[in-house]
Amino acid sequence: MRYAKPKSIDEALALLSEDRWRMLAGGSDFYPAQGSRPLRDNILDINGLSDLRGIHEDATHVVFGARATWTDIIRADLPPAFASLKQAAREVGSIQIQNTGTIAGNLCNASPAADGVPPLLTLDAEVELRSLGGTQTIPLSDFILGNRKTALRTGDMVTAVRVPKAAARGTSHFVKLGARRYLVISIAMVAARVVVGQGGTIEEAAIAVGACSAVAVRLKALEQHLVGHPVASVREIVEAYDFAELSPIDDVRGSGGYRRDAAREIVCRALAGAAASAGIAEEVAA
């Protein structure tokens, strides 16, 4: 077993090219997954990489450093389209976990119930990967491949999560259903982002559901159905939708059928919250 705490991204990438490592950042998933078993893997501790911390904008994107914490996101001055991401950040464990858990760790852990994924999907987020061979950016929807599976290759490191400014339009809302109010794994969760025009007509919609499939998914067909319709008709449209994209399982938190029914309801509530933030008074969730 080796332990390394690089002082630069280049040093980290050089180490990643030499051997297989388990990455340690916030540790909020790392240590629970380890349990009482002795450490036998090489540990690459990236907590010394200050360049991976922080949130900034460039000409085309809002950029979240891989080590940006949920508390960083909560405190950041972001447009209304990011409200669902901030709400999800407040749902990630306790305040102590929010202070240490990172946005990239949430994605790399690739849990079907990862709170940050649905809001980022509605924002067309991209994952920036670096290796000694260079830098590439791939859509988040292509990065998480399944339960605990990602597109990370040997030698790759996530260095940022990038949101195109073109997708950061409108208002958004996040709804999480669990067995209790706090410190809970989702039964189902939904992020919704809408652009509402004059007269309350939906001009753009983005909806993502988590914890109801191996990977959180966008409901793109439903999004298309909603465009051009008034906010007041949202519930009718959602209730007629078949949610074929979802493949919920039965487990101790709920049955697959319950998850599908719950997803339908909280999609309505998430859309209602996003519309309310846009100043639309119609009650979608009634």
C-alpha atoms as a PDB file:
ATOM      1  CA  MET A   1       0.000   0.000   0.000  1.00  0.00           C
ATOM      2  CA  ARG A   2       1.149   3.534  -0.829  1.00  0.00           C
ATOM      3  CA  TYR A   3      -0.127   6.883   0.418  1.00  0.00           C
ATOM      4  CA  ALA A   4       0.552  10.099  -1.494  1.00  0.00           C
ATOM      5  CA  LYS A   5      -0.612  13.676  -1.058  1.00  0.00           C
ATOM      6  CA  PRO A   6       0.443  15.546  -4.197  1.00  0.00           C
ATOM      7  CA  LYS A   7       1.008  19.290  -4.133  1.00  0.00           C
ATOM      8  CA  SER A   8       0.037  19.936  -7.744  1.00  0.00           C
ATOM      9  CA  ILE A   9      -2.335  18.545 -10.354  1.00  0.00           C
ATOM     10  CA  ASP A  10       0.628  17.555 -12.537  1.00  0.00           C
ATOM     11  CA  GLU A  11       2.123  15.550  -9.669  1.00  0.00           C
ATOM     12  CA  ALA A  12      -1.230  13.840  -9.093  1.00  0.00           C
ATOM     13  CA  LEU A  13      -1.532  12.953 -12.782  1.00  0.00           C
ATOM     14  CA  ALA A  14       2.001  11.552 -12.832  1.00  0.00           C
ATOM     15  CA  LEU A  15       1.177   9.306  -9.877  1.00  0.00           C
ATOM     16  CA  LEU A  16      -2.077   8.189 -11.514  1.00  0.00           C
ATOM     17  CA  SER A  17      -0.141   7.165 -14.632  1.00  0.00           C
ATOM     18  CA  GLU A  18       2.189   4.920 -12.604  1.00  0.00           C
ATOM     19  CA  ASP A  19      -0.227   2.793 -10.585  1.00  0.00           C
ATOM     20  CA  ARG A  20      -3.830   2.199  -9.511  1.00  0.00           C
ATOM     21  CA  TRP A  21      -5.064   4.483  -6.729  1.00  0.00           C
ATOM     22  CA  ARG A  22      -8.175   5.123  -4.669  1.00  0.00           C
ATOM     23  CA  MET A  23      -8.880   8.841  -4.634  1.00  0.00           C
ATOM     24  CA  LEU A  24      -9.469  10.555  -1.289  1.00  0.00           C
ATOM     25  CA  ALA A  25     -11.105  13.987  -1.253  1.00  0.00           C
ATOM     26  CA  GLY A  26     -13.870  14.784   1.241  1.00  0.00           C
ATOM     27  CA  GLY A  27     -13.950  11.186   2.453  1.00  0.00           C
ATOM     28  CA  SER A  28     -17.700  11.176   3.149  1.00  0.00           C
ATOM     29  CA  ASP A  29     -18.124   8.114   0.883  1.00  0.00           C
ATOM     30  CA  PHE A  30     -14.579   6.766   1.152  1.00  0.00           C
ATOM     31  CA  TYR A  31     -14.595   5.882   4.841  1.00  0.00           C
ATOM     32  CA  PRO A  32     -18.099   4.382   5.102  1.00  0.00           C
ATOM     33  CA  ALA A  33     -17.340   2.188   2.087  1.00  0.00           C
ATOM     34  CA  GLN A  34     -14.123   1.008   3.735  1.00  0.00           C
ATOM     35  CA  GLY A  35     -15.850   0.002   6.965  1.00  0.00           C
ATOM     36  CA  SER A  36     -13.683  -1.951   9.397  1.00  0.00           C
ATOM     37  CA  ARG A  37     -11.590  -3.609   6.687  1.00  0.00           C
ATOM     38  CA  PRO A  38      -7.861  -2.768   6.668  1.00  0.00           C
ATOM     39  CA  LEU A  39      -6.688  -0.424   3.931  1.00  0.00           C
ATOM     40  CA  ARG A  40      -4.868  -2.331   1.220  1.00  0.00           C
ATOM     41  CA  ASP A  41      -5.245   0.012  -1.780  1.00  0.00           C
ATOM     42  CA  ASN A  42      -2.951   2.849  -2.760  1.00  0.00           C
ATOM     43  CA  ILE A  43      -4.459   6.108  -1.477  1.00  0.00           C
ATOM     44  CA  LEU A  44      -4.108   9.341  -3.444  1.00  0.00           C
ATOM     45  CA  ASP A  45      -5.106  12.203  -1.137  1.00  0.00           C
ATOM     46  CA  ILE A  46      -5.992  15.245  -3.267  1.00  0.00           C
ATOM     47  CA  ASN A  47      -6.928  17.530  -0.385  1.00  0.00           C
ATOM     48  CA  GLY A  48      -3.775  19.553  -0.948  1.00  0.00           C
ATOM     49  CA  LEU A  49      -4.806  20.567  -4.471  1.00  0.00           C
ATOM     50  CA  SER A  50      -6.162  24.076  -3.945  1.00  0.00           C
ATOM     51  CA  ASP A  51      -6.564  24.564  -7.712  1.00  0.00           C
ATOM     52  CA  LEU A  52      -9.448  22.071  -7.610  1.00  0.00           C
ATOM     53  CA  ARG A  53     -11.376  24.108  -5.039  1.00  0.00           C
ATOM     54  CA  GLY A  54     -13.704  26.935  -5.898  1.00  0.00           C
ATOM     55  CA  ILE A  55     -16.410  28.059  -8.303  1.00  0.00           C
ATOM     56  CA  HIS A  56     -15.880  30.527 -11.128  1.00  0.00           C
ATOM     57  CA  GLU A  57     -17.119  31.549 -14.571  1.00  0.00           C
ATOM     58  CA  ASP A  58     -15.325  31.624 -17.874  1.00  0.00           C
ATOM     59  CA  ALA A  59     -16.664  32.965 -21.161  1.00  0.00           C
ATOM     60  CA  THR A  60     -19.017  30.042 -21.767  1.00  0.00           C
ATOM     61  CA  HIS A  61     -19.405  28.034 -18.547  1.00  0.00           C
ATOM     62  CA  VAL A  62     -19.950  28.111 -14.822  1.00  0.00           C
ATOM     63  CA  VAL A  63     -17.116  25.943 -13.504  1.00  0.00           C
ATOM     64  CA  PHE A  64     -17.175  23.978 -10.243  1.00  0.00           C
ATOM     65  CA  GLY A  65     -13.758  22.749  -9.170  1.00  0.00           C
ATOM     66  CA  ALA A  66     -13.739  19.021  -8.423  1.00  0.00           C
ATOM     67  CA  ARG A  67     -13.099  19.744  -4.733  1.00  0.00           C
ATOM     68  CA  ALA A  68     -15.883  22.335  -4.428  1.00  0.00           C
ATOM     69  CA  THR A  69     -17.926  21.279  -1.411  1.00  0.00           C
ATOM     70  CA  TRP A  70     -21.673  21.334  -0.990  1.00  0.00           C
ATOM     71  CA  THR A  71     -21.253  24.224   1.432  1.00  0.00           C
ATOM     72  CA  ASP A  72     -19.303  26.106  -1.251  1.00  0.00           C
ATOM     73  CA  ILE A  73     -22.229  25.564  -3.624  1.00  0.00           C
ATOM     74  CA  ILE A  74     -24.826  26.654  -1.058  1.00  0.00           C
ATOM     75  CA  ARG A  75     -22.910  29.885  -0.410  1.00  0.00           C
ATOM     76  CA  ALA A  76     -22.081  30.660  -4.046  1.00  0.00           C
ATOM     77  CA  ASP A  77     -23.795  33.517  -5.879  1.00  0.00           C
ATOM     78  CA  LEU A  78     -25.398  31.584  -8.723  1.00  0.00           C
ATOM     79  CA  PRO A  79     -28.287  32.314 -11.140  1.00  0.00           C
ATOM     80  CA  PRO A  80     -31.834  31.056 -10.352  1.00  0.00           C
ATOM     81  CA  ALA A  81     -31.363  28.068 -12.664  1.00  0.00           C
ATOM     82  CA  PHE A  82     -28.981  26.659 -10.028  1.00  0.00           C
ATOM     83  CA  ALA A  83     -31.559  26.783  -7.219  1.00  0.00           C
ATOM     84  CA  SER A  84     -32.211  23.035  -7.512  1.00  0.00           C
ATOM     85  CA  LEU A  85     -28.486  22.312  -7.138  1.00  0.00           C
ATOM     86  CA  LYS A  86     -28.361  24.459  -3.999  1.00  0.00           C
ATOM     87  CA  GLN A  87     -31.443  22.706  -2.614  1.00  0.00           C
ATOM     88  CA  ALA A  88     -29.872  19.312  -3.340  1.00  0.00           C
ATOM     89  CA  ALA A  89     -26.670  20.454  -1.638  1.00  0.00           C
ATOM     90  CA  ARG A  90     -28.656  21.101   1.539  1.00  0.00           C
ATOM     91  CA  GLU A  91     -29.982  17.523   1.382  1.00  0.00           C
ATOM     92  CA  VAL A  92     -26.546  15.873   1.279  1.00  0.00           C
ATOM     93  CA  GLY A  93     -26.166  14.336   4.733  1.00  0.00           C
ATOM     94  CA  SER A  94     -25.457  16.611   7.668  1.00  0.00           C
ATOM     95  CA  ILE A  95     -23.864  20.054   7.698  1.00  0.00           C
ATOM     96  CA  GLN A  96     -20.556  18.397   8.566  1.00  0.00           C
ATOM     97  CA  ILE A  97     -20.794  16.231   5.443  1.00  0.00           C
ATOM     98  CA  GLN A  98     -21.783  19.250   3.348  1.00  0.00           C
ATOM     99  CA  ASN A  99     -18.621  20.968   4.601  1.00  0.00           C
ATOM    100  CA  THR A 100     -16.378  18.155   3.351  1.00  0.00           C
ATOM    101  CA  GLY A 101     -18.229  16.241   0.626  1.00  0.00           C
ATOM    102  CA  THR A 102     -17.331  17.322  -2.897  1.00  0.00           C
ATOM    103  CA  ILE A 103     -19.250  17.672  -6.124  1.00  0.00           C
ATOM    104  CA  ALA A 104     -16.865  15.402  -8.025  1.00  0.00           C
ATOM    105  CA  GLY A 105     -16.947  12.795  -5.270  1.00  0.00           C
ATOM    106  CA  ASN A 106     -20.735  12.665  -5.545  1.00  0.00           C
ATOM    107  CA  LEU A 107     -20.448  11.944  -9.267  1.00  0.00           C
ATOM    108  CA  CYS A 108     -17.549   9.495  -9.051  1.00  0.00           C
ATOM    109  CA  ASN A 109     -19.306   7.507  -6.322  1.00  0.00           C
ATOM    110  CA  ALA A 110     -22.027   6.939  -8.951  1.00  0.00           C
ATOM    111  CA  SER A 111     -24.810   6.054  -6.554  1.00  0.00           C
ATOM    112  CA  PRO A 112     -28.280   5.909  -8.134  1.00  0.00           C
ATOM    113  CA  ALA A 113     -29.382   8.100  -5.207  1.00  0.00           C
ATOM    114  CA  ALA A 114     -26.638  10.752  -5.540  1.00  0.00           C
ATOM    115  CA  ASP A 115     -28.418  14.018  -4.740  1.00  0.00           C
ATOM    116  CA  GLY A 116     -26.303  16.206  -6.995  1.00  0.00           C
ATOM    117  CA  VAL A 117     -26.874  14.316 -10.225  1.00  0.00           C
ATOM    118  CA  PRO A 118     -30.483  15.243 -11.182  1.00  0.00           C
ATOM    119  CA  PRO A 119     -29.935  19.021 -10.819  1.00  0.00           C
ATOM    120  CA  LEU A 120     -26.719  18.822 -12.826  1.00  0.00           C
ATOM    121  CA  LEU A 121     -28.443  16.797 -15.547  1.00  0.00           C
ATOM    122  CA  THR A 122     -31.080  19.516 -15.939  1.00  0.00           C
ATOM    123  CA  LEU A 123     -28.213  21.975 -16.453  1.00  0.00           C
ATOM    124  CA  ASP A 124     -26.543  19.862 -19.184  1.00  0.00           C
ATOM    125  CA  ALA A 125     -23.465  19.566 -16.967  1.00  0.00           C
ATOM    126  CA  GLU A 126     -20.180  18.307 -18.359  1.00  0.00           C
ATOM    127  CA  VAL A 127     -17.372  16.488 -16.558  1.00  0.00           C
ATOM    128  CA  GLU A 128     -13.799  17.618 -17.163  1.00  0.00           C
ATOM    129  CA  LEU A 129     -11.256  14.783 -17.116  1.00  0.00           C
ATOM    130  CA  ARG A 130      -7.497  15.245 -17.116  1.00  0.00           C
ATOM    131  CA  SER A 131      -4.663  12.787 -17.607  1.00  0.00           C
ATOM    132  CA  LEU A 132      -1.083  13.046 -18.779  1.00  0.00           C
ATOM    133  CA  GLY A 133      -2.515  12.641 -22.278  1.00  0.00           C
ATOM    134  CA  GLY A 134      -4.519  15.869 -22.036  1.00  0.00           C
ATOM    135  CA  THR A 135      -7.939  17.181 -21.070  1.00  0.00           C
ATOM    136  CA  GLN A 136     -11.344  16.078 -22.316  1.00  0.00           C
ATOM    137  CA  THR A 137     -14.882  17.073 -21.421  1.00  0.00           C
ATOM    138  CA  ILE A 138     -17.802  14.652 -21.603  1.00  0.00           C
ATOM    139  CA  PRO A 139     -21.507  15.088 -20.812  1.00  0.00           C
ATOM    140  CA  LEU A 140     -22.497  14.008 -17.317  1.00  0.00           C
ATOM    141  CA  SER A 141     -25.063  11.719 -18.942  1.00  0.00           C
ATOM    142  CA  ASP A 142     -22.139   9.817 -20.540  1.00  0.00           C
ATOM    143  CA  PHE A 143     -19.950   9.860 -17.433  1.00  0.00           C
ATOM    144  CA  ILE A 144     -22.117   7.823 -15.037  1.00  0.00           C
ATOM    145  CA  LEU A 145     -22.607   4.432 -16.665  1.00  0.00           C
ATOM    146  CA  GLY A 146     -24.406   2.492 -13.939  1.00  0.00           C
ATOM    147  CA  ASN A 147     -24.539   1.758 -10.235  1.00  0.00           C
ATOM    148  CA  ARG A 148     -20.981   2.576  -9.017  1.00  0.00           C
ATOM    149  CA  LYS A 149     -19.727   2.655 -12.625  1.00  0.00           C
ATOM    150  CA  THR A 150     -18.241   5.668 -14.422  1.00  0.00           C
ATOM    151  CA  ALA A 151     -16.329   6.427 -17.594  1.00  0.00           C
ATOM    152  CA  LEU A 152     -13.130   7.116 -15.622  1.00  0.00           C
ATOM    153  CA  ARG A 153     -10.143   5.330 -17.140  1.00  0.00           C
ATOM    154  CA  THR A 154      -6.841   4.458 -15.517  1.00  0.00           C
ATOM    155  CA  GLY A 155      -4.862   7.690 -15.268  1.00  0.00           C
ATOM    156  CA  ASP A 156      -7.930   9.956 -15.391  1.00  0.00           C
ATOM    157  CA  MET A 157      -8.859  12.479 -12.727  1.00  0.00           C
ATOM    158  CA  VAL A 158     -12.001  14.615 -12.585  1.00  0.00           C
ATOM    159  CA  THR A 159     -10.824  18.205 -12.313  1.00  0.00           C
ATOM    160  CA  ALA A 160     -14.085  20.143 -12.770  1.00  0.00           C
ATOM    161  CA  VAL A 161     -17.796  20.050 -13.441  1.00  0.00           C
ATOM    162  CA  ARG A 162     -18.790  22.556 -16.111  1.00  0.00           C
ATOM    163  CA  VAL A 163     -22.253  23.967 -16.761  1.00  0.00           C
ATOM    164  CA  PRO A 164     -22.825  25.742 -20.097  1.00  0.00           C
ATOM    165  CA  LYS A 165     -24.221  29.217 -19.559  1.00  0.00           C
ATOM    166  CA  ALA A 166     -26.616  28.523 -22.420  1.00  0.00           C
ATOM    167  CA  ALA A 167     -28.292  25.869 -20.219  1.00  0.00           C
ATOM    168  CA  ALA A 168     -28.361  28.018 -17.078  1.00  0.00           C
ATOM    169  CA  ARG A 169     -31.651  29.658 -18.005  1.00  0.00           C
ATOM    170  CA  GLY A 170     -34.930  29.928 -16.172  1.00  0.00           C
ATOM    171  CA  THR A 171     -35.726  28.795 -12.642  1.00  0.00           C
ATOM    172  CA  SER A 172     -35.438  25.417 -10.953  1.00  0.00           C
ATOM    173  CA  HIS A 173     -36.537  23.341  -7.982  1.00  0.00           C
ATOM    174  CA  PHE A 174     -35.499  20.064  -6.305  1.00  0.00           C
ATOM    175  CA  VAL A 175     -37.714  17.617  -4.402  1.00  0.00           C
ATOM    176  CA  LYS A 176     -36.404  14.620  -2.471  1.00  0.00           C
ATOM    177  CA  LEU A 177     -38.554  11.877  -0.973  1.00  0.00           C
ATOM    178  CA  GLY A 178     -37.131   9.827   1.889  1.00  0.00           C
ATOM    179  CA  ALA A 179     -38.283   7.891   4.905  1.00  0.00           C
ATOM    180  CA  ARG A 180     -37.498  10.883   7.144  1.00  0.00           C
ATOM    181  CA  ARG A 181     -36.664  14.552   6.710  1.00  0.00           C
ATOM    182  CA  TYR A 182     -32.872  14.565   7.161  1.00  0.00           C
ATOM    183  CA  LEU A 183     -29.879  12.225   6.790  1.00  0.00           C
ATOM    184  CA  VAL A 184     -31.732   9.898   4.463  1.00  0.00           C
ATOM    185  CA  ILE A 185     -31.101   8.055   1.201  1.00  0.00           C
ATOM    186  CA  SER A 186     -33.651   8.972  -1.448  1.00  0.00           C
ATOM    187  CA  ILE A 187     -36.613   6.818  -2.355  1.00  0.00           C
ATOM    188  CA  ALA A 188     -37.080   9.132  -5.329  1.00  0.00           C
ATOM    189  CA  MET A 189     -35.926  12.630  -6.219  1.00  0.00           C
ATOM    190  CA  VAL A 190     -36.571  15.094  -9.002  1.00  0.00           C
ATOM    191  CA  ALA A 191     -34.940  18.252 -10.291  1.00  0.00           C
ATOM    192  CA  ALA A 192     -36.861  20.479 -12.695  1.00  0.00           C
ATOM    193  CA  ARG A 193     -35.810  23.606 -14.574  1.00  0.00           C
ATOM    194  CA  VAL A 194     -38.222  25.686 -16.628  1.00  0.00           C
ATOM    195  CA  VAL A 195     -38.194  28.797 -18.734  1.00  0.00           C
ATOM    196  CA  VAL A 196     -41.648  30.379 -18.557  1.00  0.00           C
ATOM    197  CA  GLY A 197     -42.735  32.987 -21.073  1.00  0.00           C
ATOM    198  CA  GLN A 198     -45.313  35.718 -20.840  1.00  0.00           C
ATOM    199  CA  GLY A 199     -48.745  34.396 -20.036  1.00  0.00           C
ATOM    200  CA  GLY A 200     -47.344  31.406 -18.176  1.00  0.00           C
ATOM    201  CA  THR A 201     -46.422  29.294 -21.213  1.00  0.00           C
ATOM    202  CA  ILE A 202     -43.512  26.879 -20.819  1.00  0.00           C
ATOM    203  CA  GLU A 203     -40.803  27.689 -23.348  1.00  0.00           C
ATOM    204  CA  GLU A 204     -38.197  25.218 -22.113  1.00  0.00           C
ATOM    205  CA  ALA A 205     -38.223  22.358 -19.602  1.00  0.00           C
ATOM    206  CA  ALA A 206     -35.584  20.037 -18.174  1.00  0.00           C
ATOM    207  CA  ILE A 207     -36.570  17.252 -15.754  1.00  0.00           C
ATOM    208  CA  ALA A 208     -34.339  14.590 -14.191  1.00  0.00           C
ATOM    209  CA  VAL A 209     -35.328  11.761 -11.838  1.00  0.00           C
ATOM    210  CA  GLY A 210     -32.933  10.021  -9.472  1.00  0.00           C
ATOM    211  CA  ALA A 211     -33.117   6.860  -7.320  1.00  0.00           C
ATOM    212  CA  CYS A 212     -35.639   5.304  -9.744  1.00  0.00           C
ATOM    213  CA  SER A 213     -33.118   3.702 -12.107  1.00  0.00           C
ATOM    214  CA  ALA A 214     -29.515   2.550 -11.979  1.00  0.00           C
ATOM    215  CA  VAL A 215     -28.591   6.015 -13.272  1.00  0.00           C
ATOM    216  CA  ALA A 216     -30.526   9.268 -12.865  1.00  0.00           C
ATOM    217  CA  VAL A 217     -32.290  10.083 -16.145  1.00  0.00           C
ATOM    218  CA  ARG A 218     -33.686  13.044 -18.027  1.00  0.00           C
ATOM    219  CA  LEU A 219     -37.335  12.744 -19.068  1.00  0.00           C
ATOM    220  CA  LYS A 220     -36.791  14.287 -22.482  1.00  0.00           C
ATOM    221  CA  ALA A 221     -40.053  13.153 -24.016  1.00  0.00           C
ATOM    222  CA  LEU A 222     -41.993  14.699 -21.140  1.00  0.00           C
ATOM    223  CA  GLU A 223     -39.957  17.884 -21.500  1.00  0.00           C
ATOM    224  CA  GLN A 224     -41.037  18.116 -25.147  1.00  0.00           C
ATOM    225  CA  HIS A 225     -44.684  17.503 -24.237  1.00  0.00           C
ATOM    226  CA  LEU A 226     -44.607  20.416 -21.790  1.00  0.00           C
ATOM    227  CA  VAL A 227     -43.156  23.006 -24.172  1.00  0.00           C
ATOM    228  CA  GLY A 228     -45.812  25.347 -25.497  1.00  0.00           C
ATOM    229  CA  HIS A 229     -48.333  24.508 -22.787  1.00  0.00           C
ATOM    230  CA  PRO A 230     -49.389  26.748 -19.902  1.00  0.00           C
ATOM    231  CA  VAL A 231     -48.064  25.989 -16.443  1.00  0.00           C
ATOM    232  CA  ALA A 232     -51.662  25.351 -15.353  1.00  0.00           C
ATOM    233  CA  SER A 233     -51.766  22.215 -17.542  1.00  0.00           C
ATOM    234  CA  VAL A 234     -48.613  20.613 -16.108  1.00  0.00           C
ATOM    235  CA  ARG A 235     -50.330  18.127 -13.797  1.00  0.00           C
ATOM    236  CA  GLU A 236     -52.618  16.863 -16.544  1.00  0.00           C
ATOM    237  CA  ILE A 237     -49.652  16.308 -18.875  1.00  0.00           C
ATOM    238  CA  VAL A 238     -47.511  14.624 -16.206  1.00  0.00           C
ATOM    239  CA  GLU A 239     -50.316  12.301 -15.091  1.00  0.00           C
ATOM    240  CA  ALA A 240     -50.808  11.147 -18.686  1.00  0.00           C
ATOM    241  CA  TYR A 241     -47.088  10.429 -19.138  1.00  0.00           C
ATOM    242  CA  ASP A 242     -45.900   6.779 -18.926  1.00  0.00           C
ATOM    243  CA  PHE A 243     -42.449   7.357 -17.321  1.00  0.00           C
ATOM    244  CA  ALA A 244     -41.038   4.590 -19.517  1.00  0.00           C
ATOM    245  CA  GLU A 245     -37.475   5.868 -18.950  1.00  0.00           C
ATOM    246  CA  LEU A 246     -37.581   4.729 -15.318  1.00  0.00           C
ATOM    247  CA  SER A 247     -36.745   1.225 -14.098  1.00  0.00           C
ATOM    248  CA  PRO A 248     -37.315   1.427 -10.327  1.00  0.00           C
ATOM    249  CA  ILE A 249     -36.402  -1.539  -8.124  1.00  0.00           C
ATOM    250  CA  ASP A 250     -37.934  -3.052  -5.007  1.00  0.00           C
ATOM    251  CA  ASP A 251     -35.803  -2.620  -1.891  1.00  0.00           C
ATOM    252  CA  VAL A 252     -36.114  -1.874   1.816  1.00  0.00           C
ATOM    253  CA  ARG A 253     -36.936   1.777   1.115  1.00  0.00           C
ATOM    254  CA  GLY A 254     -39.840   1.134  -1.240  1.00  0.00           C
ATOM    255  CA  SER A 255     -41.226  -0.972  -4.048  1.00  0.00           C
ATOM    256  CA  GLY A 256     -40.672  -0.225  -7.704  1.00  0.00           C
ATOM    257  CA  GLY A 257     -44.356   0.603  -8.131  1.00  0.00           C
ATOM    258  CA  TYR A 258     -44.281   3.026  -5.222  1.00  0.00           C
ATOM    259  CA  ARG A 259     -41.185   4.720  -6.619  1.00  0.00           C
ATOM    260  CA  ARG A 260     -42.840   5.203 -10.017  1.00  0.00           C
ATOM    261  CA  ASP A 261     -45.974   6.698  -8.434  1.00  0.00           C
ATOM    262  CA  ALA A 262     -43.851   8.875  -6.163  1.00  0.00           C
ATOM    263  CA  ALA A 263     -41.776  10.099  -9.107  1.00  0.00           C
ATOM    264  CA  ARG A 264     -44.934  11.181 -10.932  1.00  0.00           C
ATOM    265  CA  GLU A 265     -46.073  13.226  -7.941  1.00  0.00           C
ATOM    266  CA  ILE A 266     -42.758  14.862  -7.154  1.00  0.00           C
ATOM    267  CA  VAL A 267     -42.222  15.747 -10.823  1.00  0.00           C
ATOM    268  CA  CYS A 268     -45.402  17.808 -10.466  1.00  0.00           C
ATOM    269  CA  ARG A 269     -44.110  19.354  -7.251  1.00  0.00           C
ATOM    270  CA  ALA A 270     -40.699  20.143  -8.689  1.00  0.00           C
ATOM    271  CA  LEU A 271     -42.257  21.796 -11.734  1.00  0.00           C
ATOM    272  CA  ALA A 272     -44.593  23.728  -9.455  1.00  0.00           C
ATOM    273  CA  GLY A 273     -41.651  24.962  -7.402  1.00  0.00           C
ATOM    274  CA  ALA A 274     -39.713  26.010 -10.489  1.00  0.00           C
ATOM    275  CA  ALA A 275     -42.760  27.812 -11.905  1.00  0.00           C
ATOM    276  CA  ALA A 276     -43.394  29.555  -8.572  1.00  0.00           C
ATOM    277  CA  SER A 277     -39.818  30.837  -8.609  1.00  0.00           C
ATOM    278  CA  ALA A 278     -40.572  32.307 -12.042  1.00  0.00           C
ATOM    279  CA  GLY A 279     -43.490  34.237 -10.526  1.00  0.00           C
ATOM    280  CA  ILE A 280     -46.234  31.954 -11.812  1.00  0.00           C
ATOM    281  CA  ALA A 281     -48.953  31.566  -9.203  1.00  0.00           C
ATOM    282  CA  GLU A 282     -50.841  28.568 -10.619  1.00  0.00           C
ATOM    283  CA  GLU A 283     -50.924  25.662  -8.190  1.00  0.00           C
ATOM    284  CA  VAL A 284     -49.484  22.697 -10.131  1.00  0.00           C
ATOM    285  CA  ALA A 285     -49.198  20.428  -7.093  1.00  0.00           C
ATOM    286  CA  ALA A 286     -52.813  20.672  -5.948  1.00  0.00           C
END
